[in-house]
C-alpha atoms as a PDB file:
ATOM      1  CA  MET A   1      65.621 107.304   1.130  1.00  0.00           C
ATOM      2  CA  ILE A   2      67.317 106.299  -2.116  1.00  0.00           C
ATOM      3  CA  LEU A   3      65.769 103.108  -3.490  1.00  0.00           C
ATOM      4  CA  ALA A   4      68.656 101.102  -4.909  1.00  0.00           C
ATOM      5  CA  ALA A   5      68.142  97.370  -4.333  1.00  0.00           C
ATOM      6  CA  GLY A   6      66.821  96.445  -7.792  1.00  0.00           C
ATOM      7  CA  LEU A   7      68.579  94.045 -10.148  1.00  0.00           C
ATOM      8  CA  GLY A   8      68.779  96.577 -12.988  1.00  0.00           C
ATOM      9  CA  THR A   9      67.741  94.017 -15.588  1.00  0.00           C
ATOM     10  CA  ARG A  10      66.863  96.660 -18.206  1.00  0.00           C
ATOM     11  CA  LEU A  11      70.403  98.040 -18.100  1.00  0.00           C
ATOM     12  CA  ARG A  12      72.258  94.767 -18.541  1.00  0.00           C
ATOM     13  CA  PRO A  13      75.073  94.022 -19.251  1.00  0.00           C
ATOM     14  CA  LEU A  14      76.212  97.180 -17.425  1.00  0.00           C
ATOM     15  CA  THR A  15      74.478  96.082 -14.227  1.00  0.00           C
ATOM     16  CA  ASP A  16      76.274  92.750 -14.300  1.00  0.00           C
ATOM     17  CA  GLU A  17      79.262  94.838 -13.127  1.00  0.00           C
ATOM     18  CA  LEU A  18      77.718  97.658 -11.086  1.00  0.00           C
ATOM     19  CA  PRO A  19      74.313  98.352  -9.543  1.00  0.00           C
ATOM     20  CA  LYS A  20      72.448 101.120 -11.390  1.00  0.00           C
ATOM     21  CA  PRO A  21      73.055 103.825  -8.765  1.00  0.00           C
ATOM     22  CA  LEU A  22      76.808 103.328  -9.201  1.00  0.00           C
ATOM     23  CA  VAL A  23      77.100 103.494 -12.988  1.00  0.00           C
ATOM     24  CA  PRO A  24      78.985 106.657 -13.956  1.00  0.00           C
ATOM     25  CA  VAL A  25      77.237 109.607 -15.560  1.00  0.00           C
ATOM     26  CA  GLY A  26      79.772 112.238 -16.489  1.00  0.00           C
ATOM     27  CA  ASP A  27      82.464 112.538 -13.856  1.00  0.00           C
ATOM     28  CA  ARG A  28      80.706 110.648 -11.043  1.00  0.00           C
ATOM     29  CA  ALA A  29      78.279 107.877 -10.182  1.00  0.00           C
ATOM     30  CA  VAL A  30      74.507 108.359 -10.373  1.00  0.00           C
ATOM     31  CA  ILE A  31      74.285 108.153  -6.582  1.00  0.00           C
ATOM     32  CA  ALA A  32      76.694 111.077  -6.267  1.00  0.00           C
ATOM     33  CA  HIS A  33      74.449 113.235  -8.473  1.00  0.00           C
ATOM     34  CA  ILE A  34      71.432 112.319  -6.329  1.00  0.00           C
ATOM     35  CA  ALA A  35      73.315 112.958  -3.082  1.00  0.00           C
ATOM     36  CA  GLU A  36      74.391 116.356  -4.391  1.00  0.00           C
ATOM     37  CA  ARG A  37      70.762 117.330  -5.054  1.00  0.00           C
ATOM     38  CA  LEU A  38      69.681 116.150  -1.599  1.00  0.00           C
ATOM     39  CA  ALA A  39      72.521 118.016   0.104  1.00  0.00           C
ATOM     40  CA  HIS A  40      71.744 121.164  -1.896  1.00  0.00           C
ATOM     41  CA  ALA A  41      68.239 121.077  -0.380  1.00  0.00           C
ATOM     42  CA  GLY A  42      69.759 121.037   3.112  1.00  0.00           C
ATOM     43  CA  LEU A  43      69.410 117.331   3.862  1.00  0.00           C
ATOM     44  CA  ARG A  44      72.242 116.016   5.986  1.00  0.00           C
ATOM     45  CA  GLU A  45      71.665 112.274   5.740  1.00  0.00           C
ATOM     46  CA  ALA A  46      69.776 109.650   3.774  1.00  0.00           C
ATOM     47  CA  VAL A  47      69.140 105.912   3.832  1.00  0.00           C
ATOM     48  CA  ILE A  48      69.904 103.660   0.878  1.00  0.00           C
ATOM     49  CA  ASN A  49      68.763 100.062   0.541  1.00  0.00           C
ATOM     50  CA  THR A  50      71.070  97.584  -1.188  1.00  0.00           C
ATOM     51  CA  HIS A  51      70.839  94.043  -2.518  1.00  0.00           C
ATOM     52  CA  HIS A  52      72.281  93.515  -6.003  1.00  0.00           C
ATOM     53  CA  LEU A  53      76.110  93.770  -5.950  1.00  0.00           C
ATOM     54  CA  ALA A  54      75.885  95.348  -2.501  1.00  0.00           C
ATOM     55  CA  HIS A  55      79.648  95.014  -1.981  1.00  0.00           C
ATOM     56  CA  ALA A  56      80.172  97.754  -4.578  1.00  0.00           C
ATOM     57  CA  PHE A  57      78.830 100.361  -2.131  1.00  0.00           C
ATOM     58  CA  THR A  58      82.227 100.719  -0.478  1.00  0.00           C
ATOM     59  CA  SER A  59      82.993 102.886   2.526  1.00  0.00           C
ATOM     60  CA  PRO A  60      85.358 105.220   0.604  1.00  0.00           C
ATOM     61  CA  LEU A  61      82.696 105.786  -2.075  1.00  0.00           C
ATOM     62  CA  LEU A  62      80.027 106.614   0.507  1.00  0.00           C
ATOM     63  CA  ALA A  63      82.392 108.778   2.555  1.00  0.00           C
ATOM     64  CA  ALA A  64      83.037 110.989  -0.483  1.00  0.00           C
ATOM     65  CA  LEU A  65      79.362 111.942  -0.799  1.00  0.00           C
ATOM     66  CA  PRO A  66      78.160 115.357   0.426  1.00  0.00           C
ATOM     67  CA  LEU A  67      75.831 113.845   3.053  1.00  0.00           C
ATOM     68  CA  ARG A  68      75.824 110.860   5.387  1.00  0.00           C
ATOM     69  CA  LEU A  69      74.408 107.795   3.660  1.00  0.00           C
ATOM     70  CA  ARG A  70      73.192 104.989   5.935  1.00  0.00           C
ATOM     71  CA  VAL A  71      73.071 101.592   4.214  1.00  0.00           C
ATOM     72  CA  ASN A  72      70.239  99.140   4.861  1.00  0.00           C
ATOM     73  CA  HIS A  73      71.116  95.823   3.220  1.00  0.00           C
ATOM     74  CA  GLU A  74      68.369  93.454   2.101  1.00  0.00           C
ATOM     75  CA  SER A  75      69.396  89.815   1.852  1.00  0.00           C
ATOM     76  CA  THR A  76      66.244  89.270  -0.230  1.00  0.00           C
ATOM     77  CA  ILE A  77      64.521  91.892  -2.341  1.00  0.00           C
ATOM     78  CA  LEU A  78      61.580  93.308  -0.400  1.00  0.00           C
ATOM     79  CA  GLY A  79      60.059  95.543  -3.065  1.00  0.00           C
ATOM     80  CA  THR A  80      59.765  99.313  -2.720  1.00  0.00           C
ATOM     81  CA  GLY A  81      57.099  99.111  -0.004  1.00  0.00           C
ATOM     82  CA  GLY A  82      58.966  96.483   1.975  1.00  0.00           C
ATOM     83  CA  SER A  83      62.195  98.443   1.648  1.00  0.00           C
ATOM     84  CA  ILE A  84      60.602 101.527   3.195  1.00  0.00           C
ATOM     85  CA  ALA A  85      58.993  99.514   5.990  1.00  0.00           C
ATOM     86  CA  ASN A  86      62.224  97.622   6.670  1.00  0.00           C
ATOM     87  CA  ALA A  87      64.156 100.886   7.037  1.00  0.00           C
ATOM     88  CA  ALA A  88      61.700 102.429   9.533  1.00  0.00           C
ATOM     89  CA  SER A  89      64.174 102.530  12.414  1.00  0.00           C
ATOM     90  CA  LEU A  90      66.781 104.298  10.265  1.00  0.00           C
ATOM     91  CA  LEU A  91      64.297 106.733   8.742  1.00  0.00           C
ATOM     92  CA  GLY A  92      62.792 107.811  12.044  1.00  0.00           C
ATOM     93  CA  ASP A  93      59.409 109.509  12.323  1.00  0.00           C
ATOM     94  CA  GLY A  94      57.671 111.873   9.947  1.00  0.00           C
ATOM     95  CA  ASP A  95      57.755 112.502   6.219  1.00  0.00           C
ATOM     96  CA  VAL A  96      60.332 110.796   3.991  1.00  0.00           C
ATOM     97  CA  ILE A  97      61.555 111.825   0.556  1.00  0.00           C
ATOM     98  CA  LEU A  98      61.801 108.796  -1.748  1.00  0.00           C
ATOM     99  CA  TRP A  99      64.149 108.932  -4.741  1.00  0.00           C
ATOM    100  CA  ASN A 100      64.546 106.055  -7.193  1.00  0.00           C
ATOM    101  CA  GLY A 101      68.236 105.269  -7.569  1.00  0.00           C
ATOM    102  CA  ASP A 102      68.145 105.389 -11.378  1.00  0.00           C
ATOM    103  CA  ILE A 103      66.576 108.853 -11.714  1.00  0.00           C
ATOM    104  CA  LEU A 104      68.430 112.091 -12.423  1.00  0.00           C
ATOM    105  CA  ALA A 105      66.302 115.237 -12.164  1.00  0.00           C
ATOM    106  CA  ASP A 106      66.671 118.825 -11.029  1.00  0.00           C
ATOM    107  CA  VAL A 107      63.759 119.065  -8.582  1.00  0.00           C
ATOM    108  CA  ASP A 108      63.271 121.837  -6.018  1.00  0.00           C
ATOM    109  CA  LEU A 109      63.065 119.599  -2.962  1.00  0.00           C
ATOM    110  CA  ALA A 110      62.506 122.481  -0.552  1.00  0.00           C
ATOM    111  CA  ALA A 111      59.438 123.551  -2.536  1.00  0.00           C
ATOM    112  CA  LEU A 112      58.286 119.917  -2.742  1.00  0.00           C
ATOM    113  CA  LEU A 113      58.456 119.509   1.047  1.00  0.00           C
ATOM    114  CA  GLN A 114      56.719 122.828   1.622  1.00  0.00           C
ATOM    115  CA  ALA A 115      53.871 121.853  -0.713  1.00  0.00           C
ATOM    116  CA  HIS A 116      53.497 118.459   0.962  1.00  0.00           C
ATOM    117  CA  ARG A 117      53.528 119.856   4.499  1.00  0.00           C
ATOM    118  CA  SER A 118      51.040 122.595   3.631  1.00  0.00           C
ATOM    119  CA  ALA A 119      48.431 120.176   2.230  1.00  0.00           C
ATOM    120  CA  ARG A 120      49.242 117.122   4.442  1.00  0.00           C
ATOM    121  CA  PRO A 121      48.238 114.440   1.907  1.00  0.00           C
ATOM    122  CA  SER A 122      49.137 110.801   2.431  1.00  0.00           C
ATOM    123  CA  ALA A 123      51.863 111.216  -0.210  1.00  0.00           C
ATOM    124  CA  THR A 124      53.003 113.671  -2.864  1.00  0.00           C
ATOM    125  CA  LEU A 125      54.261 112.455  -6.233  1.00  0.00           C
ATOM    126  CA  VAL A 126      56.583 114.536  -8.412  1.00  0.00           C
ATOM    127  CA  MET A 127      55.242 114.724 -11.961  1.00  0.00           C
ATOM    128  CA  THR A 128      56.189 116.150 -15.333  1.00  0.00           C
ATOM    129  CA  PRO A 129      53.107 117.611 -17.081  1.00  0.00           C
ATOM    130  CA  ARG A 130      51.323 115.860 -19.932  1.00  0.00           C
ATOM    131  CA  PRO A 131      48.011 116.537 -21.742  1.00  0.00           C
ATOM    132  CA  PRO A 132      44.916 114.866 -20.257  1.00  0.00           C
ATOM    133  CA  GLY A 133      44.865 111.116 -20.756  1.00  0.00           C
ATOM    134  CA  GLU A 134      48.434 110.839 -22.070  1.00  0.00           C
ATOM    135  CA  GLY A 135      50.498 110.553 -18.902  1.00  0.00           C
ATOM    136  CA  THR A 136      50.850 107.625 -16.540  1.00  0.00           C
ATOM    137  CA  VAL A 137      48.920 109.493 -13.823  1.00  0.00           C
ATOM    138  CA  GLY A 138      45.630 111.388 -14.094  1.00  0.00           C
ATOM    139  CA  ILE A 139      45.367 114.611 -12.081  1.00  0.00           C
ATOM    140  CA  ALA A 140      42.357 116.652 -10.932  1.00  0.00           C
ATOM    141  CA  ASP A 141      42.092 120.467 -11.029  1.00  0.00           C
ATOM    142  CA  ASP A 142      43.268 120.635  -7.421  1.00  0.00           C
ATOM    143  CA  GLY A 143      46.375 118.520  -8.113  1.00  0.00           C
ATOM    144  CA  ALA A 144      45.111 115.280  -6.590  1.00  0.00           C
ATOM    145  CA  VAL A 145      45.716 111.913  -8.247  1.00  0.00           C
ATOM    146  CA  VAL A 146      42.506 110.616  -9.871  1.00  0.00           C
ATOM    147  CA  ARG A 147      43.882 107.950 -12.227  1.00  0.00           C
ATOM    148  CA  LEU A 148      46.580 105.420 -11.475  1.00  0.00           C
ATOM    149  CA  ARG A 149      47.340 102.030 -13.019  1.00  0.00           C
ATOM    150  CA  GLY A 150      43.998 101.822 -14.783  1.00  0.00           C
ATOM    151  CA  GLU A 151      41.870 102.779 -11.776  1.00  0.00           C
ATOM    152  CA  LEU A 152      39.808 106.014 -11.671  1.00  0.00           C
ATOM    153  CA  PHE A 153      39.135 108.055  -8.531  1.00  0.00           C
ATOM    154  CA  GLY A 154      37.676 111.294  -9.907  1.00  0.00           C
ATOM    155  CA  GLU A 155      37.519 113.617 -12.913  1.00  0.00           C
ATOM    156  CA  GLU A 156      40.785 114.074 -14.765  1.00  0.00           C
ATOM    157  CA  ALA A 157      41.740 117.607 -15.820  1.00  0.00           C
ATOM    158  CA  ARG A 158      45.351 116.957 -16.819  1.00  0.00           C
ATOM    159  CA  SER A 159      47.958 114.267 -16.502  1.00  0.00           C
ATOM    160  CA  GLY A 160      51.618 113.686 -15.916  1.00  0.00           C
ATOM    161  CA  ASP A 161      54.422 111.147 -15.792  1.00  0.00           C
ATOM    162  CA  PHE A 162      55.765 110.107 -12.398  1.00  0.00           C
ATOM    163  CA  LEU A 163      59.453 110.977 -12.009  1.00  0.00           C
ATOM    164  CA  GLY A 164      60.290 108.375  -9.374  1.00  0.00           C
ATOM    165  CA  ILE A 165      60.605 111.073  -6.679  1.00  0.00           C
ATOM    166  CA  SER A 166      58.011 111.557  -3.952  1.00  0.00           C
ATOM    167  CA  VAL A 167      57.253 112.357  -0.330  1.00  0.00           C
ATOM    168  CA  ILE A 168      55.469 109.765   1.782  1.00  0.00           C
ATOM    169  CA  GLY A 169      53.733 110.696   5.014  1.00  0.00           C
ATOM    170  CA  PRO A 170      53.964 108.766   8.298  1.00  0.00           C
ATOM    171  CA  LYS A 171      50.452 107.279   8.197  1.00  0.00           C
ATOM    172  CA  LEU A 172      50.980 105.712   4.787  1.00  0.00           C
ATOM    173  CA  ARG A 173      54.465 104.578   5.810  1.00  0.00           C
ATOM    174  CA  ALA A 174      53.005 102.777   8.823  1.00  0.00           C
ATOM    175  CA  ARG A 175      50.666 100.724   6.626  1.00  0.00           C
ATOM    176  CA  LEU A 176      53.279  99.446   4.199  1.00  0.00           C
ATOM    177  CA  PRO A 177      53.841  95.664   4.243  1.00  0.00           C
ATOM    178  CA  SER A 178      57.150  93.994   5.048  1.00  0.00           C
ATOM    179  CA  GLN A 179      57.325  92.896   1.408  1.00  0.00           C
ATOM    180  CA  GLY A 180      55.593  94.507  -1.538  1.00  0.00           C
ATOM    181  CA  CYS A 181      55.275  97.587  -3.763  1.00  0.00           C
ATOM    182  CA  TRP A 182      54.582 100.952  -2.211  1.00  0.00           C
ATOM    183  CA  PHE A 183      52.331 101.941  -5.125  1.00  0.00           C
ATOM    184  CA  SER A 184      50.292  98.711  -5.226  1.00  0.00           C
ATOM    185  CA  ASP A 185      50.235  98.150  -1.470  1.00  0.00           C
ATOM    186  CA  GLY A 186      50.265 101.752  -0.263  1.00  0.00           C
ATOM    187  CA  VAL A 187      49.181 104.397  -2.759  1.00  0.00           C
ATOM    188  CA  LEU A 188      46.361 102.493  -4.464  1.00  0.00           C
ATOM    189  CA  PRO A 189      44.730 101.328  -1.196  1.00  0.00           C
ATOM    190  CA  ALA A 190      44.925 104.925   0.063  1.00  0.00           C
ATOM    191  CA  LEU A 191      43.164 106.191  -3.058  1.00  0.00           C
ATOM    192  CA  ARG A 192      40.493 103.497  -2.767  1.00  0.00           C
ATOM    193  CA  ALA A 193      39.888 104.611   0.821  1.00  0.00           C
ATOM    194  CA  GLY A 194      39.360 108.198  -0.311  1.00  0.00           C
ATOM    195  CA  GLU A 195      42.693 109.561   0.927  1.00  0.00           C
ATOM    196  CA  ARG A 196      44.384 112.360  -0.955  1.00  0.00           C
ATOM    197  CA  ILE A 197      47.524 111.604  -2.963  1.00  0.00           C
ATOM    198  CA  ALA A 198      48.879 114.953  -4.128  1.00  0.00           C
ATOM    199  CA  THR A 199      51.126 115.845  -7.062  1.00  0.00           C
ATOM    200  CA  PHE A 200      53.968 118.321  -7.430  1.00  0.00           C
ATOM    201  CA  THR A 201      54.681 119.508 -10.961  1.00  0.00           C
ATOM    202  CA  ALA A 202      58.319 119.791 -11.989  1.00  0.00           C
ATOM    203  CA  THR A 203      58.964 121.267 -15.416  1.00  0.00           C
ATOM    204  CA  THR A 204      62.451 119.881 -15.651  1.00  0.00           C
ATOM    205  CA  VAL A 205      64.525 117.706 -17.918  1.00  0.00           C
ATOM    206  CA  TRP A 206      65.093 114.314 -16.334  1.00  0.00           C
ATOM    207  CA  ASP A 207      66.643 110.957 -17.071  1.00  0.00           C
ATOM    208  CA  ASP A 208      65.418 107.476 -16.205  1.00  0.00           C
ATOM    209  CA  ILE A 209      68.537 105.371 -16.674  1.00  0.00           C
ATOM    210  CA  GLY A 210      66.655 102.256 -17.675  1.00  0.00           C
ATOM    211  CA  SER A 211      68.303 101.271 -20.961  1.00  0.00           C
ATOM    212  CA  ILE A 212      71.610 101.621 -22.772  1.00  0.00           C
ATOM    213  CA  ALA A 213      70.144 104.333 -25.005  1.00  0.00           C
ATOM    214  CA  ALA A 214      68.810 106.238 -21.979  1.00  0.00           C
ATOM    215  CA  TYR A 215      72.174 105.865 -20.236  1.00  0.00           C
ATOM    216  CA  LEU A 216      74.007 107.329 -23.231  1.00  0.00           C
ATOM    217  CA  GLN A 217      71.464 110.154 -23.353  1.00  0.00           C
ATOM    218  CA  ALA A 218      72.043 110.972 -19.679  1.00  0.00           C
ATOM    219  CA  ASN A 219      75.773 111.271 -20.298  1.00  0.00           C
ATOM    220  CA  ALA A 220      75.192 113.409 -23.396  1.00  0.00           C
ATOM    221  CA  ARG A 221      72.887 115.687 -21.375  1.00  0.00           C
ATOM    222  CA  TRP A 222      75.543 116.003 -18.668  1.00  0.00           C
ATOM    223  CA  LEU A 223      78.078 117.046 -21.304  1.00  0.00           C
ATOM    224  CA  ARG A 224      75.734 119.691 -22.703  1.00  0.00           C
ATOM    225  CA  HIS A 225      75.005 120.991 -19.208  1.00  0.00           C
ATOM    226  CA  THR A 226      78.705 121.419 -18.494  1.00  0.00           C
ATOM    227  CA  GLY A 227      79.308 123.056 -21.875  1.00  0.00           C
ATOM    228  CA  MET A 228      81.936 120.514 -22.917  1.00  0.00           C
ATOM    229  CA  ARG A 229      82.118 118.695 -26.232  1.00  0.00           C
ATOM    230  CA  ALA A 230      83.964 115.854 -24.517  1.00  0.00           C
ATOM    231  CA  TYR A 231      85.138 114.918 -21.052  1.00  0.00           C
ATOM    232  CA  VAL A 232      88.444 113.151 -20.424  1.00  0.00           C
ATOM    233  CA  GLY A 233      88.991 112.168 -16.795  1.00  0.00           C
ATOM    234  CA  ASP A 234      92.206 112.350 -14.802  1.00  0.00           C
ATOM    235  CA  GLY A 235      94.849 109.920 -15.964  1.00  0.00           C
ATOM    236  CA  ALA A 236      92.961 108.871 -19.096  1.00  0.00           C
ATOM    237  CA  VAL A 237      95.157 108.289 -22.160  1.00  0.00           C
ATOM    238  CA  VAL A 238      93.880 108.902 -25.688  1.00  0.00           C
ATOM    239  CA  ALA A 239      96.141 107.781 -28.553  1.00  0.00           C
ATOM    240  CA  PRO A 240      97.384 110.584 -30.844  1.00  0.00           C
ATOM    241  CA  GLY A 241      95.425 109.235 -33.803  1.00  0.00           C
ATOM    242  CA  VAL A 242      92.097 109.282 -31.946  1.00  0.00           C
ATOM    243  CA  THR A 243      89.583 112.158 -32.033  1.00  0.00           C
ATOM    244  CA  VAL A 244      86.993 112.313 -29.230  1.00  0.00           C
ATOM    245  CA  GLU A 245      83.628 114.032 -29.715  1.00  0.00           C
ATOM    246  CA  ASP A 246      80.472 114.075 -27.581  1.00  0.00           C
ATOM    247  CA  SER A 247      81.927 111.381 -25.358  1.00  0.00           C
ATOM    248  CA  VAL A 248      82.740 110.756 -21.695  1.00  0.00           C
ATOM    249  CA  ILE A 249      86.109 109.135 -21.025  1.00  0.00           C
ATOM    250  CA  GLY A 250      86.476 108.062 -17.401  1.00  0.00           C
ATOM    251  CA  ALA A 251      89.526 108.533 -15.224  1.00  0.00           C
ATOM    252  CA  GLY A 252      92.373 106.177 -16.053  1.00  0.00           C
ATOM    253  CA  ALA A 253      90.755 104.858 -19.232  1.00  0.00           C
ATOM    254  CA  ARG A 254      92.931 104.106 -22.268  1.00  0.00           C
ATOM    255  CA  ILE A 255      91.894 104.438 -25.913  1.00  0.00           C
ATOM    256  CA  HIS A 256      94.195 102.912 -28.526  1.00  0.00           C
ATOM    257  CA  GLY A 257      94.077 102.828 -32.312  1.00  0.00           C
ATOM    258  CA  GLN A 258      92.983 105.498 -34.747  1.00  0.00           C
ATOM    259  CA  GLY A 259      89.760 107.159 -35.769  1.00  0.00           C
ATOM    260  CA  MET A 260      86.735 108.798 -34.190  1.00  0.00           C
ATOM    261  CA  VAL A 261      85.221 108.130 -30.768  1.00  0.00           C
ATOM    262  CA  ARG A 262      81.756 109.686 -30.959  1.00  0.00           C
ATOM    263  CA  GLY A 263      78.823 109.557 -28.523  1.00  0.00           C
ATOM    264  CA  ALA A 264      80.569 106.975 -26.343  1.00  0.00           C
ATOM    265  CA  VAL A 265      80.926 106.408 -22.611  1.00  0.00           C
ATOM    266  CA  ILE A 266      84.162 104.734 -21.540  1.00  0.00           C
ATOM    267  CA  TRP A 267      84.139 103.741 -17.884  1.00  0.00           C
ATOM    268  CA  PRO A 268      87.019 104.658 -15.559  1.00  0.00           C
ATOM    269  CA  GLY A 269      89.880 102.223 -16.017  1.00  0.00           C
ATOM    270  CA  ALA A 270      88.495 100.685 -19.214  1.00  0.00           C
ATOM    271  CA  GLU A 271      90.709  99.945 -22.215  1.00  0.00           C
ATOM    272  CA  VAL A 272      89.408  99.962 -25.779  1.00  0.00           C
ATOM    273  CA  GLU A 273      90.343 100.353 -29.446  1.00  0.00           C
ATOM    274  CA  ALA A 274      89.053 103.185 -31.656  1.00  0.00           C
ATOM    275  CA  PRO A 275      86.950 103.852 -33.715  1.00  0.00           C
ATOM    276  CA  LEU A 276      83.777 103.788 -31.572  1.00  0.00           C
ATOM    277  CA  ASP A 277      80.279 105.140 -32.126  1.00  0.00           C
ATOM    278  CA  ARG A 278      77.497 105.318 -29.476  1.00  0.00           C
ATOM    279  CA  VAL A 279      78.790 102.534 -27.266  1.00  0.00           C
ATOM    280  CA  VAL A 280      79.444 101.958 -23.577  1.00  0.00           C
ATOM    281  CA  VAL A 281      82.689 100.207 -22.657  1.00  0.00           C
ATOM    282  CA  THR A 282      83.119  98.849 -19.123  1.00  0.00           C
ATOM    283  CA  THR A 283      86.210  97.819 -17.199  1.00  0.00           C
ATOM    284  CA  ALA A 284      85.466  94.191 -18.113  1.00  0.00           C
ATOM    285  CA  GLY A 285      85.634  95.094 -21.789  1.00  0.00           C
ATOM    286  CA  VAL A 286      81.905  94.805 -22.340  1.00  0.00           C
ATOM    287  CA  VAL A 287      80.799  96.938 -25.250  1.00  0.00           C
ATOM    288  CA  ALA A 288      77.094  97.824 -25.184  1.00  0.00           C
ATOM    289  CA  GLN A 289      75.618  99.461 -28.276  1.00  0.00           C
ATOM    290  CA  GLY A 290      73.131 102.283 -27.793  1.00  0.00           C
END
């Protein structure tokens, strides 16, 4: 399940035009990157919850993804726990992979599922390693969560930061409320009851697209990964007097004027005047400085 119903307040004004999972990173939307990772792990379908700007999740966009995406619309925001509970009939029985719709990470999902199914904890959280006491989650020698949101449940040997990717088992799923947070109303009560919440360490670069600066960084990382100094999408027009470096120019965009466009992200179909430096330009002409 891809969690995508949030308002995206940290990424405004970009999310006044598109929900976070649909903002473009490189040559495609965030949701397309996530769907690609899920499909690569052999998953054939997923559920996505929508609320904010739900109309933007069009049928042609979803049909182009490499797996079937079933949409569960929420007329009111239910929180992460409520969203999972509300989608129970679509998710079916058993374990469910949860992926926050603003997270890009290269995680071995097959290995994650194998680790979860071998140990059978109530849930398994994907973590990046941190020294003891520094991360958002405290971890015991055996990989169990022993510190979360200021509460202690055992002796901490190391720590990590939660990536926003996890596996939740059926028993914990069944206890989630119709409205609420799956951490506050699911994970923490499980820990207080002595249940095991496991961790899966992923030593990977990842992006939490939660601010303009982080969004620009995600696009810059995509460029480096592809080996390109700049990306210019199909049908984009760059004026002869404009030089583009370390930037992503979406399909059909138009850049007029003269000078350097550096470290910028120009959305598909947007029109803008050079020079530009570390900005995001949307189709509505909004320019957000990173």
